């Protein structure tokens, strides 16, 4: 499990909860419930990091919301 900030909100367009990780560009997941969206985004975070490592990209250090304050 990683300690990245996750922003969770409802999307009428998708008719689902959306979980976004601002520190990892393009990293997001959805779910029918808040819990499902959070569980799904944990999987996507792991996959995002795995792909970034394979591509030789730098992995951002989790900083939480302080960087956005």
Protein backbone atom coordinates (compact mmCIF):
# COMPACT_ATOMS: atom_id res chain seq x y z
CA UNK A 1 0.00 0.00 0.00
CA UNK A 2 1.23 3.46 -0.90
CA UNK A 3 0.66 6.74 0.91
CA UNK A 4 -0.36 8.95 -1.99
CA UNK A 5 -3.18 11.42 -1.60
CA UNK A 6 -6.42 10.18 -3.17
CA UNK A 7 -9.21 12.55 -4.14
CA UNK A 8 -12.60 10.86 -4.16
CA UNK A 9 -15.72 12.30 -5.79
CA UNK A 10 -18.98 11.33 -7.46
CA UNK A 11 -19.29 11.61 -11.25
CA UNK A 12 -22.79 11.93 -12.70
CA UNK A 13 -21.37 11.36 -16.17
CA UNK A 14 -19.83 8.01 -15.18
CA UNK A 15 -22.50 7.21 -12.59
CA UNK A 16 -19.67 6.13 -10.30
CA UNK A 17 -17.27 7.30 -7.63
CA UNK A 18 -13.92 8.42 -9.05
CA UNK A 19 -10.64 8.15 -7.13
CA UNK A 20 -7.77 10.26 -8.49
CA UNK A 21 -4.12 10.39 -7.42
CA UNK A 22 -2.87 13.92 -8.20
CA UNK A 23 0.80 13.04 -7.71
CA UNK A 24 0.65 10.30 -10.36
CA UNK A 25 -0.54 11.83 -13.66
CA UNK A 26 -3.42 9.92 -15.19
CA UNK A 27 -3.75 7.60 -12.20
CA UNK A 28 -7.43 7.13 -11.41
CA UNK A 29 -10.07 4.46 -10.95
CA UNK A 30 -13.79 4.25 -10.48
CA UNK A 31 -16.23 2.16 -8.49
CA UNK A 32 -19.91 1.79 -7.70
CA UNK A 33 -19.16 2.63 -4.06
CA UNK A 34 -16.56 4.79 -2.32
CA UNK A 35 -14.84 1.69 -0.99
CA UNK A 36 -14.76 0.02 -4.39
CA UNK A 37 -13.22 3.13 -5.99
CA UNK A 38 -10.53 3.28 -3.30
CA UNK A 39 -9.78 -0.44 -3.60
CA UNK A 40 -9.56 -0.13 -7.38
CA UNK A 41 -7.25 2.88 -7.24
CA UNK A 42 -4.86 0.99 -4.92
CA UNK A 43 -4.45 -1.58 -7.70
CA UNK A 44 -3.98 1.15 -10.31
CA UNK A 45 -1.35 2.90 -8.15
CA UNK A 46 0.68 -0.33 -8.05
CA UNK A 47 0.32 -0.78 -11.80
CA UNK A 48 1.22 2.88 -12.47
CA UNK A 49 4.41 2.52 -10.42
CA UNK A 50 5.31 -0.82 -12.04
CA UNK A 51 4.96 0.63 -15.54
CA UNK A 52 6.90 3.77 -14.61
CA UNK A 53 9.75 1.63 -13.27
CA UNK A 54 9.78 -0.48 -16.44
CA UNK A 55 9.95 2.72 -18.50
CA UNK A 56 12.78 4.10 -16.34
CA UNK A 57 10.68 7.01 -15.12
CA UNK A 58 11.12 8.65 -11.74
CA UNK A 59 8.54 7.61 -9.14
CA UNK A 60 7.19 10.62 -7.21
CA UNK A 61 7.65 10.48 -3.45
CA UNK A 62 4.24 10.62 -1.72
CA UNK A 63 3.87 14.13 -0.29
CA UNK A 64 0.17 14.28 0.44
CA UNK A 65 -1.88 17.43 0.27
CA UNK A 66 0.83 19.69 1.67
CA UNK A 67 2.24 20.23 -1.81
CA UNK A 68 -1.15 21.54 -2.94
CA UNK A 69 -1.82 23.78 0.08
